[in-house]
């Protein structure tokens, strides 16, 4: 599961836009949005990089990933 904080989340339109962006990458993805926390949980088989790129392209870049990122 992917976990992101997105500062721009503020309304139902934002929820719809984020959900549609993720589902363009993976139509079977399950997207849960917590507007109060400005947090998104995504259950997907798609690569995290593709999901992140879709969110950025839709205008909702994650401000701080909630999940630890892998470092090389």
PDB file of N, CA and C in Angstrom:
ATOM      1  N   UNK A   1       0.839  -1.178   0.000  1.00  0.00           N
ATOM      2  CA  UNK A   1       0.000   0.000   0.000  1.00  0.00           C
ATOM      3  C   UNK A   1       0.884   1.242   0.000  1.00  0.00           C
ATOM      4  N   UNK A   2       0.478   2.217  -0.783  1.00  0.00           N
ATOM      5  CA  UNK A   2       1.190   3.489  -0.849  1.00  0.00           C
ATOM      6  C   UNK A   2       0.479   4.482   0.059  1.00  0.00           C
ATOM      7  N   UNK A   3       1.242   5.293   0.760  1.00  0.00           N
ATOM      8  CA  UNK A   3       0.705   6.293   1.682  1.00  0.00           C
ATOM      9  C   UNK A   3       1.347   7.639   1.358  1.00  0.00           C
ATOM     10  N   UNK A   4       0.509   8.650   1.146  1.00  0.00           N
ATOM     11  CA  UNK A   4       1.021   9.982   0.836  1.00  0.00           C
ATOM     12  C   UNK A   4       0.248  11.040   1.599  1.00  0.00           C
ATOM     13  N   UNK A   5       0.928  12.120   1.952  1.00  0.00           N
ATOM     14  CA  UNK A   5       0.290  13.332   2.446  1.00  0.00           C
ATOM     15  C   UNK A   5       0.295  14.313   1.283  1.00  0.00           C
ATOM     16  N   UNK A   6      -0.859  14.913   1.015  1.00  0.00           N
ATOM     17  CA  UNK A   6      -0.974  15.843  -0.106  1.00  0.00           C
ATOM     18  C   UNK A   6      -1.593  17.137   0.421  1.00  0.00           C
ATOM     19  N   UNK A   7      -0.785  18.168   0.506  1.00  0.00           N
ATOM     20  CA  UNK A   7      -1.204  19.440   1.103  1.00  0.00           C
ATOM     21  C   UNK A   7      -2.373  20.089   0.367  1.00  0.00           C
ATOM     22  N   UNK A   8      -2.496  19.862  -0.937  1.00  0.00           N
ATOM     23  CA  UNK A   8      -3.532  20.516  -1.733  1.00  0.00           C
ATOM     24  C   UNK A   8      -4.923  19.901  -1.587  1.00  0.00           C
ATOM     25  N   UNK A   9      -5.073  18.806  -0.860  1.00  0.00           N
ATOM     26  CA  UNK A   9      -6.386  18.172  -0.700  1.00  0.00           C
ATOM     27  C   UNK A   9      -7.276  19.046   0.168  1.00  0.00           C
ATOM     28  N   UNK A  10      -8.419  19.472  -0.388  1.00  0.00           N
ATOM     29  CA  UNK A  10      -9.291  20.333   0.398  1.00  0.00           C
ATOM     30  C   UNK A  10     -10.783  20.110   0.166  1.00  0.00           C
ATOM     31  N   UNK A  11     -11.158  19.334  -0.863  1.00  0.00           N
ATOM     32  CA  UNK A  11     -12.586  19.208  -1.166  1.00  0.00           C
ATOM     33  C   UNK A  11     -12.873  17.938  -1.963  1.00  0.00           C
ATOM     34  N   UNK A  12     -14.145  17.732  -2.247  1.00  0.00           N
ATOM     35  CA  UNK A  12     -14.556  16.567  -3.011  1.00  0.00           C
ATOM     36  C   UNK A  12     -13.964  16.534  -4.405  1.00  0.00           C
ATOM     37  N   UNK A  13     -13.792  17.690  -5.019  1.00  0.00           N
ATOM     38  CA  UNK A  13     -13.174  17.745  -6.346  1.00  0.00           C
ATOM     39  C   UNK A  13     -11.752  17.206  -6.288  1.00  0.00           C
ATOM     40  N   UNK A  14     -11.023  17.565  -5.242  1.00  0.00           N
ATOM     41  CA  UNK A  14      -9.650  17.076  -5.065  1.00  0.00           C
ATOM     42  C   UNK A  14      -9.636  15.554  -4.920  1.00  0.00           C
ATOM     43  N   UNK A  15     -10.565  15.037  -4.141  1.00  0.00           N
ATOM     44  CA  UNK A  15     -10.657  13.588  -3.945  1.00  0.00           C
ATOM     45  C   UNK A  15     -10.886  12.904  -5.277  1.00  0.00           C
ATOM     46  N   UNK A  16     -11.828  13.429  -6.056  1.00  0.00           N
ATOM     47  CA  UNK A  16     -12.147  12.859  -7.367  1.00  0.00           C
ATOM     48  C   UNK A  16     -10.941  12.940  -8.300  1.00  0.00           C
ATOM     49  N   UNK A  17     -10.257  14.057  -8.329  1.00  0.00           N
ATOM     50  CA  UNK A  17      -9.108  14.233  -9.221  1.00  0.00           C
ATOM     51  C   UNK A  17      -7.974  13.281  -8.860  1.00  0.00           C
ATOM     52  N   UNK A  18      -7.705  13.128  -7.573  1.00  0.00           N
ATOM     53  CA  UNK A  18      -6.649  12.215  -7.120  1.00  0.00           C
ATOM     54  C   UNK A  18      -7.027  10.773  -7.456  1.00  0.00           C
ATOM     55  N   UNK A  19      -8.261  10.410  -7.178  1.00  0.00           N
ATOM     56  CA  UNK A  19      -8.728   9.047  -7.455  1.00  0.00           C
ATOM     57  C   UNK A  19      -8.640   8.740  -8.943  1.00  0.00           C
ATOM     58  N   UNK A  20      -9.096   9.657  -9.782  1.00  0.00           N
ATOM     59  CA  UNK A  20      -9.051   9.437 -11.226  1.00  0.00           C
ATOM     60  C   UNK A  20      -7.617   9.349 -11.734  1.00  0.00           C
ATOM     61  N   UNK A  21      -6.733  10.163 -11.198  1.00  0.00           N
ATOM     62  CA  UNK A  21      -5.329  10.128 -11.623  1.00  0.00           C
ATOM     63  C   UNK A  21      -4.712   8.769 -11.315  1.00  0.00           C
ATOM     64  N   UNK A  22      -4.973   8.261 -10.128  1.00  0.00           N
ATOM     65  CA  UNK A  22      -4.432   6.954  -9.738  1.00  0.00           C
ATOM     66  C   UNK A  22      -5.052   5.856 -10.593  1.00  0.00           C
ATOM     67  N   UNK A  23      -6.356   5.927 -10.823  1.00  0.00           N
ATOM     68  CA  UNK A  23      -7.030   4.872 -11.568  1.00  0.00           C
ATOM     69  C   UNK A  23      -6.732   4.916 -13.065  1.00  0.00           C
ATOM     70  N   UNK A  24      -6.167   5.997 -13.560  1.00  0.00           N
ATOM     71  CA  UNK A  24      -5.678   6.012 -14.941  1.00  0.00           C
ATOM     72  C   UNK A  24      -4.443   5.114 -15.057  1.00  0.00           C
ATOM     73  N   UNK A  25      -3.660   5.046 -14.001  1.00  0.00           N
ATOM     74  CA  UNK A  25      -2.471   4.195 -13.963  1.00  0.00           C
ATOM     75  C   UNK A  25      -2.883   2.746 -13.694  1.00  0.00           C
ATOM     76  N   UNK A  26      -3.801   2.555 -12.759  1.00  0.00           N
ATOM     77  CA  UNK A  26      -4.284   1.220 -12.387  1.00  0.00           C
ATOM     78  C   UNK A  26      -5.790   1.305 -12.139  1.00  0.00           C
ATOM     79  N   UNK A  27      -6.600   0.908 -13.134  1.00  0.00           N
ATOM     80  CA  UNK A  27      -8.061   0.996 -12.996  1.00  0.00           C
ATOM     81  C   UNK A  27      -8.614   0.232 -11.797  1.00  0.00           C
ATOM     82  N   UNK A  28      -7.904  -0.767 -11.314  1.00  0.00           N
ATOM     83  CA  UNK A  28      -8.370  -1.560 -10.176  1.00  0.00           C
ATOM     84  C   UNK A  28      -7.890  -1.013  -8.831  1.00  0.00           C
ATOM     85  N   UNK A  29      -7.147   0.078  -8.847  1.00  0.00           N
ATOM     86  CA  UNK A  29      -6.612   0.644  -7.605  1.00  0.00           C
ATOM     87  C   UNK A  29      -7.736   1.082  -6.677  1.00  0.00           C
ATOM     88  N   UNK A  30      -7.511   0.903  -5.383  1.00  0.00           N
ATOM     89  CA  UNK A  30      -8.434   1.378  -4.365  1.00  0.00           C
ATOM     90  C   UNK A  30      -7.788   2.583  -3.697  1.00  0.00           C
ATOM     91  N   UNK A  31      -8.493   3.699  -3.726  1.00  0.00           N
ATOM     92  CA  UNK A  31      -7.958   4.956  -3.195  1.00  0.00           C
ATOM     93  C   UNK A  31      -8.814   5.407  -2.022  1.00  0.00           C
ATOM     94  N   UNK A  32      -8.188   5.613  -0.881  1.00  0.00           N
ATOM     95  CA  UNK A  32      -8.868   6.106   0.317  1.00  0.00           C
ATOM     96  C   UNK A  32      -8.279   7.473   0.648  1.00  0.00           C
ATOM     97  N   UNK A  33      -9.133   8.480   0.766  1.00  0.00           N
ATOM     98  CA  UNK A  33      -8.671   9.838   1.046  1.00  0.00           C
ATOM     99  C   UNK A  33      -9.243  10.313   2.375  1.00  0.00           C
ATOM    100  N   UNK A  34      -8.373  10.829   3.219  1.00  0.00           N
ATOM    101  CA  UNK A  34      -8.772  11.437   4.483  1.00  0.00           C
ATOM    102  C   UNK A  34      -8.529  12.937   4.344  1.00  0.00           C
ATOM    103  N   UNK A  35      -9.607  13.680   4.012  1.00  0.00           N
ATOM    104  CA  UNK A  35      -9.458  15.123   3.786  1.00  0.00           C
ATOM    105  C   UNK A  35      -8.960  15.855   5.028  1.00  0.00           C
ATOM    106  N   UNK A  36      -9.430  15.469   6.198  1.00  0.00           N
ATOM    107  CA  UNK A  36      -9.030  16.158   7.427  1.00  0.00           C
ATOM    108  C   UNK A  36      -7.521  16.079   7.646  1.00  0.00           C
ATOM    109  N   UNK A  37      -6.939  14.921   7.337  1.00  0.00           N
ATOM    110  CA  UNK A  37      -5.498  14.732   7.509  1.00  0.00           C
ATOM    111  C   UNK A  37      -4.721  15.049   6.237  1.00  0.00           C
ATOM    112  N   UNK A  38      -5.441  15.286   5.122  1.00  0.00           N
ATOM    113  CA  UNK A  38      -4.815  15.506   3.807  1.00  0.00           C
ATOM    114  C   UNK A  38      -3.910  14.322   3.470  1.00  0.00           C
ATOM    115  N   UNK A  39      -4.479  13.129   3.646  1.00  0.00           N
ATOM    116  CA  UNK A  39      -3.731  11.887   3.503  1.00  0.00           C
ATOM    117  C   UNK A  39      -4.423  10.952   2.519  1.00  0.00           C
ATOM    118  N   UNK A  40      -3.615  10.255   1.719  1.00  0.00           N
ATOM    119  CA  UNK A  40      -4.138   9.310   0.736  1.00  0.00           C
ATOM    120  C   UNK A  40      -3.479   7.952   0.947  1.00  0.00           C
ATOM    121  N   UNK A  41      -4.304   6.896   0.956  1.00  0.00           N
ATOM    122  CA  UNK A  41      -3.828   5.516   1.013  1.00  0.00           C
ATOM    123  C   UNK A  41      -4.258   4.852  -0.291  1.00  0.00           C
ATOM    124  N   UNK A  42      -3.311   4.222  -0.967  1.00  0.00           N
ATOM    125  CA  UNK A  42      -3.590   3.640  -2.275  1.00  0.00           C
ATOM    126  C   UNK A  42      -3.174   2.176  -2.295  1.00  0.00           C
ATOM    127  N   UNK A  43      -4.140   1.312  -2.594  1.00  0.00           N
ATOM    128  CA  UNK A  43      -3.865  -0.113  -2.779  1.00  0.00           C
ATOM    129  C   UNK A  43      -3.797  -0.338  -4.285  1.00  0.00           C
ATOM    130  N   UNK A  44      -2.625  -0.675  -4.793  1.00  0.00           N
ATOM    131  CA  UNK A  44      -2.436  -0.795  -6.232  1.00  0.00           C
ATOM    132  C   UNK A  44      -1.351  -1.802  -6.561  1.00  0.00           C
ATOM    133  N   UNK A  45      -1.418  -2.318  -7.775  1.00  0.00           N
ATOM    134  CA  UNK A  45      -0.369  -3.196  -8.272  1.00  0.00           C
ATOM    135  C   UNK A  45       0.639  -2.391  -9.117  1.00  0.00           C
ATOM    136  N   UNK A  46       0.336  -1.126  -9.362  1.00  0.00           N
ATOM    137  CA  UNK A  46       1.208  -0.271 -10.170  1.00  0.00           C
ATOM    138  C   UNK A  46       2.459   0.121  -9.384  1.00  0.00           C
ATOM    139  N   UNK A  47       3.508   0.448 -10.106  1.00  0.00           N
ATOM    140  CA  UNK A  47       4.745   0.905  -9.475  1.00  0.00           C
ATOM    141  C   UNK A  47       4.521   2.260  -8.818  1.00  0.00           C
ATOM    142  N   UNK A  48       5.131   2.455  -7.659  1.00  0.00           N
ATOM    143  CA  UNK A  48       4.984   3.703  -6.906  1.00  0.00           C
ATOM    144  C   UNK A  48       5.380   4.912  -7.746  1.00  0.00           C
ATOM    145  N   UNK A  49       6.413   4.773  -8.567  1.00  0.00           N
ATOM    146  CA  UNK A  49       6.879   5.894  -9.394  1.00  0.00           C
ATOM    147  C   UNK A  49       5.806   6.336 -10.381  1.00  0.00           C
ATOM    148  N   UNK A  50       5.066   5.381 -10.940  1.00  0.00           N
ATOM    149  CA  UNK A  50       4.005   5.720 -11.894  1.00  0.00           C
ATOM    150  C   UNK A  50       2.851   6.428 -11.195  1.00  0.00           C
ATOM    151  N   UNK A  51       2.508   5.959 -10.002  1.00  0.00           N
ATOM    152  CA  UNK A  51       1.436   6.592  -9.233  1.00  0.00           C
ATOM    153  C   UNK A  51       1.845   8.004  -8.837  1.00  0.00           C
ATOM    154  N   UNK A  52       3.060   8.153  -8.352  1.00  0.00           N
ATOM    155  CA  UNK A  52       3.564   9.474  -7.965  1.00  0.00           C
ATOM    156  C   UNK A  52       3.548  10.431  -9.153  1.00  0.00           C
ATOM    157  N   UNK A  53       4.001   9.966 -10.307  1.00  0.00           N
ATOM    158  CA  UNK A  53       4.005  10.808 -11.513  1.00  0.00           C
ATOM    159  C   UNK A  53       2.588  11.226 -11.888  1.00  0.00           C
ATOM    160  N   UNK A  54       1.616  10.325 -11.751  1.00  0.00           N
ATOM    161  CA  UNK A  54       0.223  10.647 -12.075  1.00  0.00           C
ATOM    162  C   UNK A  54      -0.323  11.710 -11.124  1.00  0.00           C
ATOM    163  N   UNK A  55       0.020  11.613  -9.850  1.00  0.00           N
ATOM    164  CA  UNK A  55      -0.435  12.606  -8.877  1.00  0.00           C
ATOM    165  C   UNK A  55       0.169  13.981  -9.170  1.00  0.00           C
ATOM    166  N   UNK A  56       1.447  13.998  -9.472  1.00  0.00           N
ATOM    167  CA  UNK A  56       2.124  15.260  -9.799  1.00  0.00           C
ATOM    168  C   UNK A  56       1.500  15.873 -11.051  1.00  0.00           C
ATOM    169  N   UNK A  57       1.288  15.056 -12.081  1.00  0.00           N
ATOM    170  CA  UNK A  57       0.709  15.548 -13.335  1.00  0.00           C
ATOM    171  C   UNK A  57      -0.704  16.099 -13.126  1.00  0.00           C
ATOM    172  N   UNK A  58      -1.454  15.503 -12.204  1.00  0.00           N
ATOM    173  CA  UNK A  58      -2.815  15.962 -11.914  1.00  0.00           C
ATOM    174  C   UNK A  58      -2.820  17.233 -11.066  1.00  0.00           C
ATOM    175  N   UNK A  59      -1.643  17.644 -10.575  1.00  0.00           N
ATOM    176  CA  UNK A  59      -1.560  18.862  -9.773  1.00  0.00           C
ATOM    177  C   UNK A  59      -1.644  18.630  -8.278  1.00  0.00           C
ATOM    178  N   UNK A  60      -1.456  17.382  -7.856  1.00  0.00           N
ATOM    179  CA  UNK A  60      -1.519  17.030  -6.442  1.00  0.00           C
ATOM    180  C   UNK A  60      -0.253  16.312  -5.995  1.00  0.00           C
ATOM    181  N   UNK A  61       0.876  17.009  -6.035  1.00  0.00           N
ATOM    182  CA  UNK A  61       2.138  16.352  -5.620  1.00  0.00           C
ATOM    183  C   UNK A  61       2.135  16.092  -4.119  1.00  0.00           C
ATOM    184  N   UNK A  62       2.557  14.894  -3.726  1.00  0.00           N
ATOM    185  CA  UNK A  62       2.676  14.626  -2.297  1.00  0.00           C
ATOM    186  C   UNK A  62       3.704  15.569  -1.671  1.00  0.00           C
ATOM    187  N   UNK A  63       3.352  16.136  -0.525  1.00  0.00           N
ATOM    188  CA  UNK A  63       4.271  17.055   0.147  1.00  0.00           C
ATOM    189  C   UNK A  63       5.294  16.282   0.964  1.00  0.00           C
ATOM    190  N   UNK A  64       4.845  15.261   1.676  1.00  0.00           N
ATOM    191  CA  UNK A  64       5.732  14.450   2.499  1.00  0.00           C
ATOM    192  C   UNK A  64       5.194  13.024   2.467  1.00  0.00           C
ATOM    193  N   UNK A  65       5.933  12.101   1.897  1.00  0.00           N
ATOM    194  CA  UNK A  65       5.467  10.709   1.932  1.00  0.00           C
ATOM    195  C   UNK A  65       5.377  10.225   3.378  1.00  0.00           C
ATOM    196  N   UNK A  66       4.294   9.550   3.713  1.00  0.00           N
ATOM    197  CA  UNK A  66       4.121   9.039   5.073  1.00  0.00           C
ATOM    198  C   UNK A  66       4.898   7.747   5.278  1.00  0.00           C
ATOM    199  N   UNK A  67       5.077   6.992   4.196  1.00  0.00           N
ATOM    200  CA  UNK A  67       5.812   5.738   4.280  1.00  0.00           C
ATOM    201  C   UNK A  67       7.298   6.013   4.065  1.00  0.00           C
ATOM    202  N   UNK A  68       8.155   5.285   4.750  1.00  0.00           N
ATOM    203  CA  UNK A  68       9.593   5.508   4.523  1.00  0.00           C
ATOM    204  C   UNK A  68       9.980   5.144   3.105  1.00  0.00           C
ATOM    205  N   UNK A  69      10.861   5.923   2.530  1.00  0.00           N
ATOM    206  CA  UNK A  69      11.299   5.643   1.174  1.00  0.00           C
ATOM    207  C   UNK A  69      12.580   4.829   1.224  1.00  0.00           C
ATOM    208  N   UNK A  70      12.768   4.040   0.205  1.00  0.00           N
ATOM    209  CA  UNK A  70      13.986   3.218   0.132  1.00  0.00           C
ATOM    210  C   UNK A  70      15.148   4.105  -0.255  1.00  0.00           C
ATOM    211  N   UNK A  71      16.262   3.937   0.403  1.00  0.00           N
ATOM    212  CA  UNK A  71      17.440   4.722   0.055  1.00  0.00           C
ATOM    213  C   UNK A  71      18.546   3.776  -0.389  1.00  0.00           C
ATOM    214  N   UNK A  72      19.292   4.215  -1.380  1.00  0.00           N
ATOM    215  CA  UNK A  72      20.370   3.369  -1.926  1.00  0.00           C
ATOM    216  C   UNK A  72      21.683   3.723  -1.306  1.00  0.00           C
TER     217      UNK A  72
END
